[in-house]
């Protein structure tokens, strides 16, 4: 008898159109960017195509390598990537994921970019880091109009032009940021990097940065202590005269995940930088970049959740156990439906935040909502992603623990978004800070969730409970996570009640807001209509 007959194995999901995400497409139209649907659809088909999936897989299996010196002994500080990294970057840049909203005057440009960012991330998460930082650098750079005029057109260019050359000679630029140091971490005011003014208007920068992702970028925003206090500076890798700026890459970090992306320690050895914003206003200046990348943290987490829900559902539709397909087993239907509920909730609120980003410049209420909603959502959605990835992996059983399934890569990637741009406590305390310093954010938040009042009694009860939590300021920092978690859940529930699929909205409110839920995924109460929820993973 043959021992090699293959049966009861799941067919490859590839090719798969990753834009088949109803919560995202519905949000695209609702937030005023329906014109971008053809672009999102085209990108989704490519993201799930065999070639793009291979690009992402191989870029992670063969991570970047640091070349500090050339064969002659000269210092070069170059990072060598797998060729497929550059293919991933080329597609992302060509589709404007790095800067299109800053030059596209159509309404909903940031929303369109968010949907494309979420879609293309299915191919690989690592290269989205420099794409995100390039997107985020522009509003901060505008604090120096001369630098913005020189570099913004190239930062928004649809041309990916890799290589170490003077920025103005290139057809397109990629930017990064370098803030944290080994002694301070999130406490950037503890930075010891020094910036000394020169007579020509530039600054001499000396210091050691503990975490600098994408060190092959053309430009960096960095924080350093100037005579007037902590300040923001722009440092190009190649100076206007063609000389290399002495930005030394000391090593690449060996990370849990995000393997395709190079993260490094760097040293500024008498490097040259130019002030962005006023001396002493470094945090205020660079926080605009941070807020943009925090939005991308939310988008990245929703991408991972959607991928986990889709892949787990695909597996369950084809795998048999105990005489039936996994998806027909009641316990598995409960788990899968719960994963899809979480994914839809994250996606729906993510698209609302993207819409607020589009409108924030002209609408103070939208700006206030974005300020508080982004902080609470960054905290909660990014923290849910690792648990979601673990449960999705478990749906595969032992097959999911094997690297070739792709699930370990998804699992290793999941915690990063909760750490990048401020870990859980930083995000939660930032939400409290926003409420304390900008009380209009609280008003904007309750105006937003109040629009859903009357749509679900559990949501109404949760809004009332939240009001009591915020009215009691005793031990508020100790309760920060508890308060911000409830704010995030209420915001998600309000979005789903107003805009989500009724079955998902009802189940979300019953579980996340009504406490009719266990601790693990797959503990939905009886009576939840799982059939329409499961269909959300594979809508034609």
Protein backbone atom coordinates (compact mmCIF):
# COMPACT_ATOMS: atom_id res chain seq x y z
CA UNK A 1 0.00 0.00 0.00
CA UNK A 2 1.21 3.50 -0.81
CA UNK A 3 2.03 5.60 2.21
CA UNK A 4 2.26 8.80 0.21
CA UNK A 5 -1.29 9.42 -0.91
CA UNK A 6 -2.12 13.00 0.07
CA UNK A 7 -5.64 13.67 1.23
CA UNK A 8 -7.47 15.86 3.73
CA UNK A 9 -4.94 18.61 3.15
CA UNK A 10 -5.91 22.21 2.52
CA UNK A 11 -5.32 23.71 -0.95
CA UNK A 12 -3.18 26.80 -1.15
CA UNK A 13 -5.22 29.96 -0.80
CA UNK A 14 -2.93 31.67 -3.32
CA UNK A 15 -3.93 33.34 -5.57
CA UNK A 16 -6.29 35.28 -3.37
CA UNK A 17 -7.58 38.84 -3.70
CA UNK A 18 -6.84 40.38 -0.31
CA UNK A 19 -9.01 43.40 -1.08
CA UNK A 20 -12.04 41.15 -0.59
CA UNK A 21 -12.61 42.73 2.79
CA UNK A 22 -16.17 44.06 3.08
CA UNK A 23 -15.51 46.14 6.22
CA UNK A 24 -12.65 47.92 4.45
CA UNK A 25 -14.45 48.48 1.13
CA UNK A 26 -17.58 49.71 2.92
CA UNK A 27 -15.44 52.11 4.94
CA UNK A 28 -13.65 53.30 1.80
CA UNK A 29 -16.95 54.51 0.35
CA UNK A 30 -18.35 55.77 3.64
CA UNK A 31 -15.31 57.95 4.29
CA UNK A 32 -15.39 59.55 0.86
CA UNK A 33 -12.75 57.60 -1.06
CA UNK A 34 -14.88 55.30 -3.16
CA UNK A 35 -13.04 56.59 -6.22
CA UNK A 36 -10.02 54.52 -5.09
CA UNK A 37 -11.76 51.14 -5.11
CA UNK A 38 -10.34 50.04 -8.51
CA UNK A 39 -6.81 50.84 -7.27
CA UNK A 40 -7.40 48.94 -4.02
CA UNK A 41 -8.81 45.97 -5.92
CA UNK A 42 -5.84 45.83 -8.28
CA UNK A 43 -3.42 46.00 -5.37
CA UNK A 44 -5.34 43.29 -3.49
CA UNK A 45 -5.08 40.91 -6.44
CA UNK A 46 -1.33 41.50 -6.62
CA UNK A 47 -0.83 41.17 -2.85
CA UNK A 48 -2.39 37.70 -2.90
CA UNK A 49 -0.72 36.59 -6.12
CA UNK A 50 1.94 33.88 -6.06
CA UNK A 51 4.77 36.19 -7.09
CA UNK A 52 4.09 38.82 -4.41
CA UNK A 53 3.70 36.14 -1.78
CA UNK A 54 7.08 34.77 -2.83
CA UNK A 55 8.58 38.25 -2.63
CA UNK A 56 7.45 38.56 0.97
CA UNK A 57 8.45 35.02 1.96
CA UNK A 58 11.96 35.22 0.54
CA UNK A 59 12.59 38.75 1.80
CA UNK A 60 11.95 37.36 5.29
CA UNK A 61 13.85 34.10 4.83
CA UNK A 62 16.89 36.02 3.58
CA UNK A 63 16.95 39.11 5.81
CA UNK A 64 19.11 42.18 5.20
CA UNK A 65 22.85 42.10 5.85
CA UNK A 66 25.01 44.96 7.07
CA UNK A 67 28.18 45.79 5.12
CA UNK A 68 30.13 48.25 7.25
CA UNK A 69 33.21 48.30 4.98
CA UNK A 70 34.03 47.61 1.36
CA UNK A 71 36.76 45.21 0.27
CA UNK A 72 39.34 47.99 0.41
CA UNK A 73 38.64 48.76 4.05
CA UNK A 74 36.69 51.95 3.44
CA UNK A 75 33.65 52.60 5.61
CA UNK A 76 30.44 52.26 3.54
CA UNK A 77 27.62 51.55 6.05
CA UNK A 78 25.42 49.83 3.49
CA UNK A 79 22.58 47.38 4.01
CA UNK A 80 22.19 44.65 1.41
CA UNK A 81 18.66 43.36 0.78
CA UNK A 82 17.20 40.43 -1.04
CA UNK A 83 16.17 41.62 -4.53
CA UNK A 84 12.53 40.93 -3.72
CA UNK A 85 12.63 43.57 -0.98
CA UNK A 86 13.10 46.12 -3.73
CA UNK A 87 10.16 44.67 -5.69
CA UNK A 88 7.95 45.11 -2.63
CA UNK A 89 9.17 48.67 -2.16
CA UNK A 90 8.74 49.48 -5.84
CA UNK A 91 5.06 48.44 -5.80
CA UNK A 92 4.37 50.31 -2.55
CA UNK A 93 5.95 53.53 -3.84
CA UNK A 94 4.36 53.25 -7.29
CA UNK A 95 0.96 53.00 -5.59
CA UNK A 96 1.59 56.07 -3.45
CA UNK A 97 1.53 54.29 -0.09
CA UNK A 98 4.44 56.47 1.04
CA UNK A 99 3.24 59.95 0.18
CA UNK A 100 0.33 60.24 -2.23
CA UNK A 101 -2.10 61.98 0.19
CA UNK A 102 0.22 64.98 0.46
CA UNK A 103 -0.04 65.72 -3.27
CA UNK A 104 -3.46 64.25 -4.12
CA UNK A 105 -6.16 66.91 -3.77
CA UNK A 106 -9.06 64.49 -4.13
CA UNK A 107 -11.23 64.09 -1.03
CA UNK A 108 -10.46 60.96 0.94
CA UNK A 109 -6.80 60.71 -0.10
CA UNK A 110 -5.65 59.50 3.33
CA UNK A 111 -8.53 57.02 3.47
CA UNK A 112 -7.61 55.66 0.05
CA UNK A 113 -4.01 55.33 1.14
CA UNK A 114 -5.07 53.53 4.36
CA UNK A 115 -7.04 50.95 2.39
CA UNK A 116 -4.15 50.37 0.02
CA UNK A 117 -1.69 50.18 2.92
CA UNK A 118 -3.88 47.57 4.65
CA UNK A 119 -4.23 45.61 1.42
CA UNK A 120 -0.61 45.57 0.28
CA UNK A 121 0.61 44.66 3.77
CA UNK A 122 -0.64 41.12 3.12
CA UNK A 123 2.43 40.60 0.92
CA UNK A 124 4.94 41.61 3.61
CA UNK A 125 4.83 43.71 6.75
CA UNK A 126 8.51 44.58 7.06
CA UNK A 127 8.89 46.90 4.10
CA UNK A 128 5.85 48.87 5.24
CA UNK A 129 8.03 50.40 7.98
CA UNK A 130 10.05 52.72 5.68
CA UNK A 131 6.91 53.32 3.64
CA UNK A 132 5.11 54.46 6.79
CA UNK A 133 7.94 56.68 7.96
CA UNK A 134 8.19 58.37 4.58
CA UNK A 135 4.45 59.09 4.71
CA UNK A 136 4.76 60.48 8.21
CA UNK A 137 7.83 62.65 7.75
CA UNK A 138 6.20 65.26 5.51
CA UNK A 139 3.96 67.09 8.04
CA UNK A 140 6.90 67.33 10.44
CA UNK A 141 9.27 68.50 7.72
CA UNK A 142 6.93 71.38 6.90
CA UNK A 143 8.13 73.09 10.07
CA UNK A 144 11.13 74.07 7.94
CA UNK A 145 9.63 75.46 4.70
CA UNK A 146 12.97 75.51 2.88
CA UNK A 147 13.66 71.84 3.58
CA UNK A 148 10.06 70.94 2.73
CA UNK A 149 10.30 72.75 -0.60
CA UNK A 150 13.52 70.90 -1.43
CA UNK A 151 12.53 67.40 -0.40
CA UNK A 152 8.74 67.04 -0.29
CA UNK A 153 8.27 66.55 -4.06
CA UNK A 154 10.85 63.74 -4.01
CA UNK A 155 9.37 62.17 -0.88
CA UNK A 156 5.98 62.03 -2.63
CA UNK A 157 7.40 60.84 -5.96
CA UNK A 158 6.07 57.53 -7.31
CA UNK A 159 9.62 56.48 -8.24
CA UNK A 160 11.54 54.07 -6.02
CA UNK A 161 15.20 55.01 -6.45
CA UNK A 162 17.36 52.91 -4.13
CA UNK A 163 21.00 53.80 -3.59
CA UNK A 164 23.38 56.07 -1.75
CA UNK A 165 23.40 59.37 -3.66
CA UNK A 166 22.86 63.05 -2.95
CA UNK A 167 19.08 63.40 -2.43
CA UNK A 168 18.44 66.14 -5.00
CA UNK A 169 19.92 63.93 -7.75
CA UNK A 170 17.47 61.09 -7.14
CA UNK A 171 14.02 60.56 -8.65
CA UNK A 172 12.46 59.62 -5.33
CA UNK A 173 13.36 59.53 -1.64
CA UNK A 174 12.66 57.33 1.39
CA UNK A 175 12.78 58.81 4.90
CA UNK A 176 13.18 57.44 8.40
CA UNK A 177 13.28 58.65 11.95
CA UNK A 178 15.70 58.09 14.79
CA UNK A 179 14.57 59.03 18.29
CA UNK A 180 15.14 56.43 20.98
CA UNK A 181 18.35 55.86 22.87
CA UNK A 182 19.44 53.00 25.10
CA UNK A 183 19.10 54.94 28.35
CA UNK A 184 15.69 56.43 27.59
CA UNK A 185 13.56 54.37 25.24
CA UNK A 186 10.14 56.02 25.11
CA UNK A 187 11.41 58.79 27.38
CA UNK A 188 12.91 60.72 24.47
CA UNK A 189 13.62 63.74 26.67
CA UNK A 190 16.38 61.64 28.24
CA UNK A 191 18.28 61.71 24.93
CA UNK A 192 21.97 62.52 25.18
CA UNK A 193 22.68 63.16 21.49
CA UNK A 194 24.07 66.69 21.13
CA UNK A 195 23.58 69.21 18.34
CA UNK A 196 25.94 72.20 18.18
CA UNK A 197 25.16 75.09 15.83
CA UNK A 198 27.61 75.99 13.10
CA UNK A 199 28.13 79.34 11.43
CA UNK A 200 26.55 78.18 8.16
CA UNK A 201 23.18 77.40 9.79
CA UNK A 202 23.73 73.66 10.05
CA UNK A 203 24.37 71.72 13.25
CA UNK A 204 27.07 69.28 14.29
CA UNK A 205 25.33 66.17 15.63
CA UNK A 206 27.04 63.62 17.90
CA UNK A 207 25.30 60.70 19.58
CA UNK A 208 24.22 57.06 19.59
CA UNK A 209 20.69 55.96 18.67
CA UNK A 210 19.49 52.61 19.99
CA UNK A 211 16.77 51.95 17.41
CA UNK A 212 16.79 53.27 13.87
CA UNK A 213 14.70 51.27 11.43
CA UNK A 214 15.35 51.38 7.71
CA UNK A 215 18.90 52.81 8.04
CA UNK A 216 19.28 52.74 4.24
CA UNK A 217 16.80 55.62 3.95
CA UNK A 218 17.89 58.84 2.24
CA UNK A 219 16.85 61.21 5.04
CA UNK A 220 16.23 60.96 8.77
CA UNK A 221 14.44 63.04 11.34
CA UNK A 222 16.22 62.77 14.66
CA UNK A 223 16.07 64.28 18.12
CA UNK A 224 19.09 65.89 19.76
CA UNK A 225 19.83 68.28 22.59
CA UNK A 226 20.55 71.74 21.16
CA UNK A 227 21.44 74.86 23.17
CA UNK A 228 17.72 75.68 23.32
CA UNK A 229 16.65 72.20 24.42
CA UNK A 230 15.56 68.98 22.75
CA UNK A 231 15.15 69.72 19.06
CA UNK A 232 14.32 68.00 15.77
CA UNK A 233 16.84 67.77 12.93
CA UNK A 234 16.95 66.50 9.37
CA UNK A 235 20.03 64.48 8.46
CA UNK A 236 20.62 63.21 4.91
CA UNK A 237 22.90 60.22 4.37
CA UNK A 238 24.68 62.15 1.61
CA UNK A 239 25.43 65.84 2.04
CA UNK A 240 24.79 68.51 -0.61
CA UNK A 241 28.44 68.47 -1.66
CA UNK A 242 28.28 64.72 -2.33
CA UNK A 243 30.21 63.68 0.78
CA UNK A 244 28.84 60.97 3.02
CA UNK A 245 27.31 62.19 6.24
CA UNK A 246 29.09 60.25 9.02
CA UNK A 247 26.08 58.24 10.16
CA UNK A 248 27.62 54.93 11.22
CA UNK A 249 25.52 51.78 11.30
CA UNK A 250 26.90 49.82 14.25
CA UNK A 251 24.78 46.69 13.93
CA UNK A 252 21.44 45.35 12.76
CA UNK A 253 19.02 44.18 15.42
CA UNK A 254 18.16 40.48 15.58
CA UNK A 255 14.41 40.84 16.09
CA UNK A 256 11.54 38.55 16.97
CA UNK A 257 9.80 39.33 13.67
CA UNK A 258 9.79 42.00 10.99
CA UNK A 259 12.77 40.14 9.55
CA UNK A 260 12.69 41.64 6.06
CA UNK A 261 13.19 45.13 7.49
CA UNK A 262 16.57 46.33 8.72
CA UNK A 263 16.51 47.87 12.19
CA UNK A 264 19.79 49.16 13.51
CA UNK A 265 21.86 51.02 16.03
CA UNK A 266 23.56 54.07 14.56
CA UNK A 267 26.15 56.58 15.67
CA UNK A 268 26.41 60.18 14.60
CA UNK A 269 30.12 61.01 14.34
CA UNK A 270 30.19 64.74 13.72
CA UNK A 271 27.22 64.35 11.41
CA UNK A 272 25.55 67.35 9.80
CA UNK A 273 21.91 68.17 10.33
CA UNK A 274 19.47 71.03 9.79
CA UNK A 275 16.97 72.24 12.35
CA UNK A 276 13.29 71.40 11.75
CA UNK A 277 11.06 73.64 13.85
CA UNK A 278 12.36 75.75 16.70
CA UNK A 279 15.06 74.79 19.16
CA UNK A 280 13.47 73.18 22.18
CA UNK A 281 10.37 72.15 20.20
CA UNK A 282 11.70 68.77 19.12
CA UNK A 283 8.96 66.63 20.64
CA UNK A 284 6.22 68.98 19.44
CA UNK A 285 7.69 68.88 15.93
CA UNK A 286 8.32 65.18 15.59
CA UNK A 287 5.05 64.18 17.30
CA UNK A 288 3.28 64.94 14.03
CA UNK A 289 5.34 62.20 12.44
CA UNK A 290 4.66 59.89 15.37
CA UNK A 291 0.89 60.39 15.10
CA UNK A 292 0.96 59.46 11.43
CA UNK A 293 2.93 56.30 12.11
CA UNK A 294 0.58 55.44 14.97
CA UNK A 295 -2.24 55.39 12.44
CA UNK A 296 -0.16 52.94 10.44
CA UNK A 297 0.33 50.79 13.55
CA UNK A 298 -3.46 50.44 13.69
CA UNK A 299 -3.62 49.69 9.97
CA UNK A 300 -0.86 47.09 10.27
CA UNK A 301 -2.65 45.34 13.13
CA UNK A 302 -5.91 45.24 11.20
CA UNK A 303 -4.05 43.75 8.23
CA UNK A 304 -2.69 40.98 10.42
CA UNK A 305 -6.10 40.30 11.98
CA UNK A 306 -7.77 40.13 8.59
CA UNK A 307 -5.07 37.79 7.31
CA UNK A 308 -5.41 35.55 10.35
CA UNK A 309 -9.20 35.40 10.10
CA UNK A 310 -9.15 34.68 6.36
CA UNK A 311 -6.41 32.05 6.52
CA UNK A 312 -7.99 30.27 9.48
CA UNK A 313 -11.40 30.23 7.79
CA UNK A 314 -9.89 28.95 4.55
CA UNK A 315 -8.22 26.13 6.46
CA UNK A 316 -11.44 25.23 8.26
CA UNK A 317 -13.45 25.17 5.02
CA UNK A 318 -11.24 22.40 3.62
CA UNK A 319 -9.93 20.38 6.55
CA UNK A 320 -11.99 17.48 7.93
CA UNK A 321 -11.99 16.12 11.46
CA UNK A 322 -14.32 13.67 13.18
CA UNK A 323 -16.30 13.15 10.01
CA UNK A 324 -17.06 16.75 9.09
CA UNK A 325 -15.38 19.90 7.81
CA UNK A 326 -13.86 21.94 10.59
CA UNK A 327 -16.01 24.90 9.66
CA UNK A 328 -19.13 22.80 10.30
CA UNK A 329 -17.99 21.92 13.83
CA UNK A 330 -19.86 24.17 16.31
CA UNK A 331 -16.80 24.88 18.47
CA UNK A 332 -14.74 25.92 15.46
CA UNK A 333 -17.54 28.12 14.11
CA UNK A 334 -17.54 29.92 17.42
CA UNK A 335 -13.78 30.56 17.23
CA UNK A 336 -13.80 31.68 13.61
CA UNK A 337 -16.78 33.97 14.07
CA UNK A 338 -15.09 35.56 17.08
CA UNK A 339 -11.92 36.18 15.06
CA UNK A 340 -13.92 37.78 12.27
CA UNK A 341 -15.83 39.99 14.72
CA UNK A 342 -12.53 41.27 16.11
CA UNK A 343 -11.14 41.85 12.62
CA UNK A 344 -14.23 43.70 11.41
CA UNK A 345 -14.30 45.90 14.52
CA UNK A 346 -10.65 46.86 14.05
CA UNK A 347 -11.07 47.53 10.35
CA UNK A 348 -14.19 49.65 10.79
CA UNK A 349 -12.63 51.93 13.38
CA UNK A 350 -9.39 52.10 11.37
CA UNK A 351 -11.25 53.44 8.36
CA UNK A 352 -13.00 56.00 10.59
CA UNK A 353 -9.61 57.21 11.81
CA UNK A 354 -8.38 57.50 8.24
CA UNK A 355 -11.43 59.59 7.41
CA UNK A 356 -10.77 61.82 10.39
CA UNK A 357 -7.22 62.30 9.14
CA UNK A 358 -8.61 63.52 5.82
CA UNK A 359 -10.92 66.03 7.50
CA UNK A 360 -8.75 67.12 10.44
CA UNK A 361 -7.16 70.03 8.62
CA UNK A 362 -10.46 71.76 7.94
CA UNK A 363 -12.64 70.51 10.81
CA UNK A 364 -11.52 71.12 14.43
CA UNK A 365 -14.00 68.54 15.72
CA UNK A 366 -12.51 65.88 13.46
CA UNK A 367 -9.02 66.90 14.55
CA UNK A 368 -10.02 66.57 18.20
CA UNK A 369 -11.64 63.20 17.59
CA UNK A 370 -8.58 61.96 15.74
CA UNK A 371 -6.33 63.02 18.59
CA UNK A 372 -8.14 60.99 21.23
CA UNK A 373 -9.49 58.16 19.07
CA UNK A 374 -6.11 57.39 17.59
CA UNK A 375 -4.52 57.07 21.03
CA UNK A 376 -7.19 54.74 22.42
CA UNK A 377 -7.41 52.69 19.23
CA UNK A 378 -3.64 52.36 18.93
CA UNK A 379 -3.60 51.00 22.46
CA UNK A 380 -6.39 48.46 22.05
CA UNK A 381 -6.27 47.22 18.46
CA UNK A 382 -2.51 46.76 18.51
CA UNK A 383 -2.75 44.90 21.81
CA UNK A 384 -5.43 42.56 20.48
CA UNK A 385 -3.39 41.56 17.44
CA UNK A 386 -1.02 39.06 19.15
CA UNK A 387 -3.86 37.16 20.86
CA UNK A 388 -5.75 37.14 17.57
CA UNK A 389 -2.75 35.77 15.67
CA UNK A 390 -2.20 33.05 18.26
CA UNK A 391 -5.81 31.88 18.02
CA UNK A 392 -5.75 31.95 14.21
CA UNK A 393 -2.57 29.87 14.22
CA UNK A 394 -4.15 27.37 16.61
CA UNK A 395 -6.99 26.80 14.14
CA UNK A 396 -4.40 25.05 11.95
CA UNK A 397 -3.26 22.73 14.72
CA UNK A 398 0.29 21.46 14.21
CA UNK A 399 0.25 22.61 10.59
CA UNK A 400 0.09 26.19 11.78
CA UNK A 401 3.26 25.79 13.84
CA UNK A 402 5.26 24.91 10.74
CA UNK A 403 7.01 27.85 9.06
CA UNK A 404 5.75 26.88 5.62
CA UNK A 405 2.19 27.63 6.67
CA UNK A 406 3.06 31.32 7.00
CA UNK A 407 1.33 31.51 10.38
CA UNK A 408 4.51 31.75 12.50
CA UNK A 409 5.55 34.80 10.49
CA UNK A 410 2.14 36.38 11.13
CA UNK A 411 2.41 35.52 14.83
CA UNK A 412 5.91 36.99 15.21
CA UNK A 413 4.86 40.16 13.45
CA UNK A 414 1.82 40.79 15.64
CA UNK A 415 3.44 42.21 18.82
CA UNK A 416 5.44 44.85 16.96
CA UNK A 417 2.58 47.25 16.35
CA UNK A 418 1.84 47.43 20.07
CA UNK A 419 5.47 48.37 20.78
CA UNK A 420 6.25 50.65 17.84
CA UNK A 421 5.47 54.34 18.54
CA UNK A 422 4.78 53.74 22.19
CA UNK A 423 3.94 50.50 24.01
CA UNK A 424 0.67 49.94 25.81
CA UNK A 425 1.30 52.14 28.82
CA UNK A 426 2.64 54.97 26.67
CA UNK A 427 -0.45 54.89 24.44
CA UNK A 428 -2.85 54.68 27.39
CA UNK A 429 -1.19 57.54 29.24
CA UNK A 430 -1.12 59.58 26.06
CA UNK A 431 -4.89 59.22 25.84
CA UNK A 432 -5.21 60.52 29.41
CA UNK A 433 -2.84 63.37 28.56
CA UNK A 434 -4.96 64.34 25.57
CA UNK A 435 -8.10 64.44 27.69
CA UNK A 436 -6.40 66.52 30.35
CA UNK A 437 -4.75 69.06 28.08
CA UNK A 438 -7.34 69.20 25.31
CA UNK A 439 -10.81 68.80 26.86
CA UNK A 440 -12.35 69.31 23.42
CA UNK A 441 -11.14 65.78 22.60
CA UNK A 442 -13.48 64.34 25.25
CA UNK A 443 -16.39 66.28 23.79
CA UNK A 444 -15.53 65.11 20.28
CA UNK A 445 -15.29 61.50 21.47
CA UNK A 446 -18.68 61.49 23.20
CA UNK A 447 -20.27 63.30 20.25
CA UNK A 448 -19.00 60.50 18.02
CA UNK A 449 -20.12 57.55 20.13
CA UNK A 450 -23.35 59.39 20.99
CA UNK A 451 -24.42 59.17 17.35
CA UNK A 452 -24.96 55.45 17.91
CA UNK A 453 -27.14 55.84 21.00
CA UNK A 454 -30.37 53.94 20.84
CA UNK A 455 -28.93 51.42 18.38
CA UNK A 456 -28.02 48.82 21.00
CA UNK A 457 -28.86 48.82 24.72
CA UNK A 458 -25.52 47.30 25.73
CA UNK A 459 -23.69 50.07 23.90
CA UNK A 460 -25.87 52.66 25.66
CA UNK A 461 -25.01 51.08 29.02
CA UNK A 462 -21.31 51.05 28.18
CA UNK A 463 -21.35 54.74 27.23
CA UNK A 464 -22.96 55.55 30.58
CA UNK A 465 -20.41 53.39 32.41
CA UNK A 466 -17.58 55.14 30.62
CA UNK A 467 -18.92 58.52 31.68
CA UNK A 468 -18.73 57.42 35.32
CA UNK A 469 -15.19 56.07 34.86
CA UNK A 470 -14.01 59.39 33.46
CA UNK A 471 -15.80 61.41 36.12
CA UNK A 472 -13.71 59.69 38.80
CA UNK A 473 -10.13 60.97 38.57
CA UNK A 474 -8.88 59.09 41.63
CA UNK A 475 -6.00 56.78 40.71
CA UNK A 476 -6.63 57.58 37.05
CA UNK A 477 -3.10 56.67 35.94
CA UNK A 478 -3.34 53.35 37.76
CA UNK A 479 -6.63 52.70 35.95
CA UNK A 480 -5.30 54.00 32.62
CA UNK A 481 -5.50 50.72 30.74
CA UNK A 482 -8.95 49.91 32.12
CA UNK A 483 -10.33 53.30 31.09
CA UNK A 484 -8.70 53.40 27.65
CA UNK A 485 -9.72 49.82 26.90
CA UNK A 486 -13.35 50.71 27.59
CA UNK A 487 -13.05 53.84 25.45
CA UNK A 488 -11.69 51.77 22.57
CA UNK A 489 -14.42 49.15 22.87
CA UNK A 490 -17.18 51.75 23.05
CA UNK A 491 -15.77 53.48 19.98
CA UNK A 492 -15.62 50.19 18.06
CA UNK A 493 -19.11 49.28 19.18
CA UNK A 494 -20.48 52.64 18.09
CA UNK A 495 -18.91 52.30 14.65
CA UNK A 496 -20.29 48.78 14.22
CA UNK A 497 -23.78 49.72 15.40
CA UNK A 498 -23.88 52.56 12.88
CA UNK A 499 -22.03 51.00 9.97
CA UNK A 500 -21.23 47.33 10.55
CA UNK A 501 -23.00 44.12 9.61
CA UNK A 502 -25.93 43.72 12.05
CA UNK A 503 -24.86 40.23 13.15
CA UNK A 504 -21.35 41.45 13.92
CA UNK A 505 -22.57 44.59 15.69
CA UNK A 506 -24.97 42.58 17.87
CA UNK A 507 -22.35 39.95 18.72
CA UNK A 508 -19.70 42.59 19.47
CA UNK A 509 -21.97 44.49 21.84
CA UNK A 510 -23.18 41.32 23.55
CA UNK A 511 -19.63 40.11 24.19
CA UNK A 512 -17.20 43.02 24.38
CA UNK A 513 -19.66 45.44 25.98
CA UNK A 514 -22.25 43.15 27.57
CA UNK A 515 -19.83 40.77 29.33
CA UNK A 516 -21.55 37.71 27.82
CA UNK A 517 -18.17 36.36 26.81
CA UNK A 518 -15.29 34.29 28.11
CA UNK A 519 -11.63 35.23 28.19
CA UNK A 520 -10.42 33.33 25.11
CA UNK A 521 -11.65 33.72 21.55
CA UNK A 522 -14.39 31.23 20.72
CA UNK A 523 -16.56 31.96 23.74
CA UNK A 524 -19.42 33.69 21.97
CA UNK A 525 -22.81 33.11 23.63
CA UNK A 526 -25.47 30.89 22.10
CA UNK A 527 -27.81 32.68 19.74
CA UNK A 528 -25.09 34.46 17.75
CA UNK A 529 -25.80 34.15 14.03
CA UNK A 530 -22.44 32.77 12.92
CA UNK A 531 -23.35 32.04 9.28
CA UNK A 532 -23.38 35.66 8.01
CA UNK A 533 -20.34 36.43 10.14
CA UNK A 534 -18.32 33.59 8.61
CA UNK A 535 -19.32 34.77 5.14
CA UNK A 536 -17.49 38.05 5.85
CA UNK A 537 -14.20 36.17 5.43
CA UNK A 538 -15.00 35.18 1.85
CA UNK A 539 -17.32 37.67 0.21
CA UNK A 540 -17.25 37.52 -3.58
